[in-house]
Amino acid sequence: VKAGGILAGEGAEIMQALNSYGENIGHAFQVIDDILDVEGDTKELGKTVGSDEKINKMTYPRLYGLERSREIANQLVDDAVSSLNLFSSDADPLREIARYLLERRN
């Protein structure tokens, strides 16, 4: 995410916004991946559902429950989108990517 800002020679404020966006969507992706491992479809997911539990992996649903994990994922996506407030509509594709994470099934 930061590569575009680096290549464009952007300043600290833009780079911080891109960094925050990247960290939040990365974190949201992991939380959602953990949720999908509990309630996803093996065929859609491309891996066996429940595999994290079988190896006693510490996941968000295991630590916080599914509902709280969903809330965390939503907040992370909201934070990612908010990180882009200083950008124009040119950053809408990044906003859409963040929102898509909440809808993904694999």
N, C-alpha and C. Protein backbone atom coordinates (compact mmCIF):
# COMPACT_ATOMS: atom_id res chain seq x y z
N VAL A 1 0.83 -1.19 0.00
CA VAL A 1 0.00 0.00 0.00
C VAL A 1 0.87 1.25 0.00
N LYS A 2 1.96 1.20 0.72
CA LYS A 2 2.81 2.38 0.83
C LYS A 2 3.67 2.61 -0.42
N ALA A 3 3.81 1.60 -1.25
CA ALA A 3 4.69 1.72 -2.42
C ALA A 3 4.29 2.89 -3.32
N GLY A 4 2.99 3.07 -3.55
CA GLY A 4 2.53 4.18 -4.38
C GLY A 4 2.94 5.52 -3.81
N GLY A 5 2.78 5.66 -2.50
CA GLY A 5 3.18 6.90 -1.85
C GLY A 5 4.68 7.14 -1.92
N ILE A 6 5.44 6.07 -1.75
CA ILE A 6 6.91 6.19 -1.83
C ILE A 6 7.31 6.60 -3.25
N LEU A 7 6.75 5.91 -4.24
CA LEU A 7 7.09 6.21 -5.63
C LEU A 7 6.68 7.62 -6.03
N ALA A 8 5.59 8.12 -5.44
CA ALA A 8 5.13 9.47 -5.75
C ALA A 8 5.85 10.53 -4.93
N GLY A 9 6.72 10.11 -4.01
CA GLY A 9 7.46 11.06 -3.19
C GLY A 9 6.60 11.81 -2.20
N GLU A 10 5.56 11.15 -1.69
CA GLU A 10 4.64 11.79 -0.76
C GLU A 10 5.30 12.06 0.59
N GLY A 11 4.72 13.02 1.29
CA GLY A 11 5.22 13.42 2.60
C GLY A 11 4.72 12.53 3.72
N ALA A 12 5.10 12.90 4.92
CA ALA A 12 4.84 12.10 6.11
C ALA A 12 3.34 11.89 6.37
N GLU A 13 2.53 12.90 6.15
CA GLU A 13 1.10 12.78 6.44
C GLU A 13 0.44 11.72 5.55
N ILE A 14 0.73 11.78 4.27
CA ILE A 14 0.18 10.80 3.32
C ILE A 14 0.71 9.41 3.64
N MET A 15 2.00 9.32 3.92
CA MET A 15 2.58 8.02 4.22
C MET A 15 1.99 7.42 5.49
N GLN A 16 1.73 8.23 6.50
CA GLN A 16 1.10 7.75 7.72
C GLN A 16 -0.31 7.24 7.44
N ALA A 17 -1.03 7.96 6.59
CA ALA A 17 -2.40 7.55 6.24
C ALA A 17 -2.37 6.21 5.52
N LEU A 18 -1.45 6.06 4.58
CA LEU A 18 -1.34 4.79 3.84
C LEU A 18 -0.90 3.66 4.76
N ASN A 19 0.00 3.95 5.67
CA ASN A 19 0.46 2.94 6.63
C ASN A 19 -0.69 2.49 7.53
N SER A 20 -1.46 3.45 8.02
CA SER A 20 -2.60 3.12 8.88
C SER A 20 -3.63 2.28 8.12
N TYR A 21 -3.91 2.68 6.88
CA TYR A 21 -4.83 1.91 6.05
C TYR A 21 -4.34 0.48 5.90
N GLY A 22 -3.08 0.31 5.54
CA GLY A 22 -2.52 -1.02 5.32
C GLY A 22 -2.54 -1.89 6.57
N GLU A 23 -2.18 -1.31 7.69
CA GLU A 23 -2.19 -2.07 8.94
C GLU A 23 -3.61 -2.51 9.29
N ASN A 24 -4.56 -1.61 9.13
CA ASN A 24 -5.95 -1.93 9.48
C ASN A 24 -6.56 -2.98 8.56
N ILE A 25 -6.31 -2.89 7.24
CA ILE A 25 -6.90 -3.91 6.37
C ILE A 25 -6.19 -5.25 6.56
N GLY A 26 -4.90 -5.22 6.85
CA GLY A 26 -4.20 -6.47 7.12
C GLY A 26 -4.74 -7.16 8.36
N HIS A 27 -4.96 -6.38 9.39
CA HIS A 27 -5.50 -6.91 10.64
C HIS A 27 -6.93 -7.41 10.41
N ALA A 28 -7.73 -6.62 9.70
CA ALA A 28 -9.12 -7.03 9.41
C ALA A 28 -9.14 -8.32 8.61
N PHE A 29 -8.25 -8.45 7.64
CA PHE A 29 -8.18 -9.66 6.84
C PHE A 29 -7.97 -10.88 7.74
N GLN A 30 -7.07 -10.76 8.71
CA GLN A 30 -6.78 -11.88 9.60
C GLN A 30 -7.98 -12.22 10.48
N VAL A 31 -8.63 -11.21 11.03
CA VAL A 31 -9.80 -11.46 11.88
C VAL A 31 -10.88 -12.17 11.06
N ILE A 32 -11.12 -11.68 9.85
CA ILE A 32 -12.14 -12.28 8.99
C ILE A 32 -11.74 -13.69 8.58
N ASP A 33 -10.47 -13.91 8.34
CA ASP A 33 -10.00 -15.26 8.02
C ASP A 33 -10.28 -16.21 9.19
N ASP A 34 -10.05 -15.73 10.40
CA ASP A 34 -10.35 -16.53 11.59
C ASP A 34 -11.84 -16.85 11.68
N ILE A 35 -12.68 -15.86 11.39
CA ILE A 35 -14.13 -16.06 11.42
C ILE A 35 -14.53 -17.09 10.38
N LEU A 36 -14.00 -16.96 9.17
CA LEU A 36 -14.34 -17.89 8.09
C LEU A 36 -13.90 -19.31 8.42
N ASP A 37 -12.85 -19.46 9.20
CA ASP A 37 -12.41 -20.80 9.58
C ASP A 37 -13.43 -21.47 10.50
N VAL A 38 -14.26 -20.68 11.15
CA VAL A 38 -15.30 -21.21 12.03
C VAL A 38 -16.60 -21.43 11.27
N GLU A 39 -16.99 -20.46 10.46
CA GLU A 39 -18.33 -20.52 9.87
C GLU A 39 -18.34 -20.52 8.35
N GLY A 40 -17.18 -20.61 7.74
CA GLY A 40 -17.12 -20.61 6.28
C GLY A 40 -17.47 -21.96 5.69
N ASP A 41 -17.45 -22.01 4.38
CA ASP A 41 -17.72 -23.22 3.63
C ASP A 41 -16.39 -23.75 3.10
N THR A 42 -16.09 -25.02 3.37
CA THR A 42 -14.82 -25.61 2.95
C THR A 42 -14.59 -25.44 1.46
N LYS A 43 -15.63 -25.64 0.67
CA LYS A 43 -15.51 -25.52 -0.79
C LYS A 43 -15.15 -24.09 -1.19
N GLU A 44 -15.84 -23.11 -0.62
CA GLU A 44 -15.57 -21.70 -0.94
C GLU A 44 -14.24 -21.24 -0.38
N LEU A 45 -13.92 -21.71 0.81
CA LEU A 45 -12.75 -21.24 1.52
C LEU A 45 -11.45 -21.79 0.93
N GLY A 46 -11.51 -22.99 0.39
CA GLY A 46 -10.31 -23.60 -0.17
C GLY A 46 -9.44 -24.28 0.86
N LYS A 47 -9.92 -24.35 2.08
CA LYS A 47 -9.23 -25.11 3.13
C LYS A 47 -10.30 -25.68 4.05
N THR A 48 -9.92 -26.63 4.82
CA THR A 48 -10.87 -27.29 5.71
C THR A 48 -11.31 -26.33 6.81
N VAL A 49 -12.61 -26.11 6.91
CA VAL A 49 -13.15 -25.27 7.97
C VAL A 49 -12.91 -25.98 9.29
N GLY A 50 -12.52 -25.22 10.30
CA GLY A 50 -12.26 -25.78 11.62
C GLY A 50 -10.83 -26.22 11.82
N SER A 51 -9.99 -25.99 10.83
CA SER A 51 -8.60 -26.45 10.94
C SER A 51 -7.84 -25.72 12.05
N ASP A 52 -8.17 -24.44 12.29
CA ASP A 52 -7.51 -23.71 13.37
C ASP A 52 -7.83 -24.30 14.73
N GLU A 53 -9.09 -24.67 14.92
CA GLU A 53 -9.50 -25.25 16.21
C GLU A 53 -8.83 -26.60 16.44
N LYS A 54 -8.70 -27.38 15.38
CA LYS A 54 -8.10 -28.70 15.51
C LYS A 54 -6.66 -28.64 16.01
N ILE A 55 -5.97 -27.55 15.71
CA ILE A 55 -4.58 -27.43 16.16
C ILE A 55 -4.46 -26.47 17.35
N ASN A 56 -5.61 -26.17 17.97
CA ASN A 56 -5.67 -25.29 19.14
C ASN A 56 -5.04 -23.92 18.89
N LYS A 57 -5.20 -23.42 17.67
CA LYS A 57 -4.67 -22.12 17.31
C LYS A 57 -5.48 -21.03 18.01
N MET A 58 -4.78 -20.05 18.57
CA MET A 58 -5.46 -18.92 19.20
C MET A 58 -5.94 -17.97 18.11
N THR A 59 -7.24 -17.86 17.97
CA THR A 59 -7.84 -17.03 16.95
C THR A 59 -8.77 -16.02 17.61
N TYR A 60 -9.19 -15.05 16.84
CA TYR A 60 -10.13 -14.05 17.39
C TYR A 60 -11.42 -14.69 17.88
N PRO A 61 -12.07 -15.54 17.09
CA PRO A 61 -13.30 -16.15 17.61
C PRO A 61 -13.07 -16.97 18.88
N ARG A 62 -11.94 -17.60 18.95
CA ARG A 62 -11.66 -18.41 20.14
C ARG A 62 -11.45 -17.52 21.36
N LEU A 63 -10.80 -16.38 21.16
CA LEU A 63 -10.53 -15.46 22.27
C LEU A 63 -11.73 -14.58 22.62
N TYR A 64 -12.45 -14.12 21.60
CA TYR A 64 -13.49 -13.11 21.81
C TYR A 64 -14.90 -13.58 21.47
N GLY A 65 -15.03 -14.71 20.78
CA GLY A 65 -16.33 -15.15 20.30
C GLY A 65 -16.59 -14.56 18.92
N LEU A 66 -17.54 -15.15 18.20
CA LEU A 66 -17.81 -14.72 16.83
C LEU A 66 -18.37 -13.30 16.76
N GLU A 67 -19.32 -12.98 17.60
CA GLU A 67 -19.95 -11.66 17.52
C GLU A 67 -18.94 -10.54 17.77
N ARG A 68 -18.14 -10.67 18.82
CA ARG A 68 -17.13 -9.64 19.11
C ARG A 68 -16.08 -9.61 18.00
N SER A 69 -15.73 -10.74 17.44
CA SER A 69 -14.77 -10.78 16.34
C SER A 69 -15.31 -10.02 15.13
N ARG A 70 -16.59 -10.17 14.85
CA ARG A 70 -17.21 -9.41 13.76
C ARG A 70 -17.16 -7.91 14.04
N GLU A 71 -17.42 -7.53 15.28
CA GLU A 71 -17.35 -6.11 15.66
C GLU A 71 -15.94 -5.57 15.47
N ILE A 72 -14.95 -6.36 15.86
CA ILE A 72 -13.55 -5.95 15.70
C ILE A 72 -13.22 -5.77 14.22
N ALA A 73 -13.64 -6.72 13.39
CA ALA A 73 -13.39 -6.63 11.95
C ALA A 73 -14.04 -5.37 11.37
N ASN A 74 -15.28 -5.11 11.75
CA ASN A 74 -15.97 -3.91 11.27
C ASN A 74 -15.24 -2.65 11.70
N GLN A 75 -14.77 -2.60 12.92
CA GLN A 75 -14.06 -1.41 13.41
C GLN A 75 -12.75 -1.22 12.66
N LEU A 76 -12.05 -2.31 12.40
CA LEU A 76 -10.79 -2.22 11.66
C LEU A 76 -11.02 -1.70 10.24
N VAL A 77 -12.08 -2.16 9.60
CA VAL A 77 -12.40 -1.68 8.26
C VAL A 77 -12.79 -0.21 8.32
N ASP A 78 -13.60 0.17 9.29
CA ASP A 78 -13.96 1.59 9.45
C ASP A 78 -12.72 2.45 9.66
N ASP A 79 -11.80 1.96 10.48
CA ASP A 79 -10.57 2.70 10.72
C ASP A 79 -9.72 2.82 9.46
N ALA A 80 -9.68 1.74 8.68
CA ALA A 80 -8.93 1.77 7.42
C ALA A 80 -9.52 2.82 6.48
N VAL A 81 -10.83 2.81 6.33
CA VAL A 81 -11.49 3.78 5.45
C VAL A 81 -11.29 5.20 5.98
N SER A 82 -11.38 5.39 7.28
CA SER A 82 -11.16 6.71 7.87
C SER A 82 -9.74 7.21 7.65
N SER A 83 -8.80 6.29 7.57
CA SER A 83 -7.41 6.67 7.31
C SER A 83 -7.26 7.39 5.98
N LEU A 84 -8.21 7.16 5.10
CA LEU A 84 -8.14 7.74 3.76
C LEU A 84 -8.90 9.05 3.63
N ASN A 85 -9.34 9.63 4.75
CA ASN A 85 -10.16 10.84 4.70
C ASN A 85 -9.47 12.01 4.00
N LEU A 86 -8.17 12.07 4.03
CA LEU A 86 -7.50 13.20 3.40
C LEU A 86 -7.34 13.02 1.89
N PHE A 87 -7.76 11.87 1.37
CA PHE A 87 -7.69 11.61 -0.06
C PHE A 87 -9.02 11.92 -0.73
N SER A 88 -8.96 12.24 -2.00
CA SER A 88 -10.17 12.48 -2.79
C SER A 88 -10.82 11.16 -3.17
N SER A 89 -11.78 11.25 -4.04
CA SER A 89 -12.44 10.04 -4.53
C SER A 89 -11.50 9.15 -5.34
N ASP A 90 -10.32 9.66 -5.66
CA ASP A 90 -9.32 8.84 -6.35
C ASP A 90 -8.94 7.62 -5.51
N ALA A 91 -9.13 7.70 -4.19
CA ALA A 91 -8.81 6.58 -3.31
C ALA A 91 -10.00 5.65 -3.09
N ASP A 92 -11.08 5.86 -3.82
CA ASP A 92 -12.25 4.99 -3.66
C ASP A 92 -11.95 3.51 -3.90
N PRO A 93 -11.09 3.15 -4.84
CA PRO A 93 -10.77 1.72 -4.96
C PRO A 93 -10.19 1.13 -3.67
N LEU A 94 -9.38 1.90 -2.94
CA LEU A 94 -8.85 1.42 -1.66
C LEU A 94 -9.98 1.29 -0.64
N ARG A 95 -10.90 2.22 -0.66
CA ARG A 95 -12.05 2.14 0.25
C ARG A 95 -12.90 0.91 -0.05
N GLU A 96 -13.08 0.64 -1.33
CA GLU A 96 -13.87 -0.53 -1.73
C GLU A 96 -13.19 -1.84 -1.34
N ILE A 97 -11.88 -1.89 -1.46
CA ILE A 97 -11.13 -3.08 -1.05
C ILE A 97 -11.36 -3.35 0.43
N ALA A 98 -11.27 -2.31 1.24
CA ALA A 98 -11.48 -2.46 2.68
C ALA A 98 -12.88 -2.99 2.98
N ARG A 99 -13.88 -2.41 2.34
CA ARG A 99 -15.27 -2.83 2.59
C ARG A 99 -15.52 -4.26 2.09
N TYR A 100 -14.86 -4.61 1.00
CA TYR A 100 -15.02 -5.96 0.45
C TYR A 100 -14.59 -7.03 1.45
N LEU A 101 -13.61 -6.71 2.26
CA LEU A 101 -13.13 -7.70 3.24
C LEU A 101 -14.27 -8.23 4.11
N LEU A 102 -15.24 -7.38 4.41
CA LEU A 102 -16.35 -7.79 5.26
C LEU A 102 -17.32 -8.73 4.53
N GLU A 103 -17.23 -8.76 3.22
CA GLU A 103 -18.13 -9.59 2.41
C GLU A 103 -17.48 -10.86 1.90
N ARG A 104 -16.18 -10.93 1.97
CA ARG A 104 -15.49 -12.06 1.34
C ARG A 104 -15.87 -13.39 1.99
N ARG A 105 -15.87 -14.42 1.18
CA ARG A 105 -16.22 -15.76 1.63
C ARG A 105 -15.06 -16.75 1.44
N ASN A 106 -13.94 -16.27 0.93
CA ASN A 106 -12.77 -17.14 0.78
C ASN A 106 -11.50 -16.37 0.94
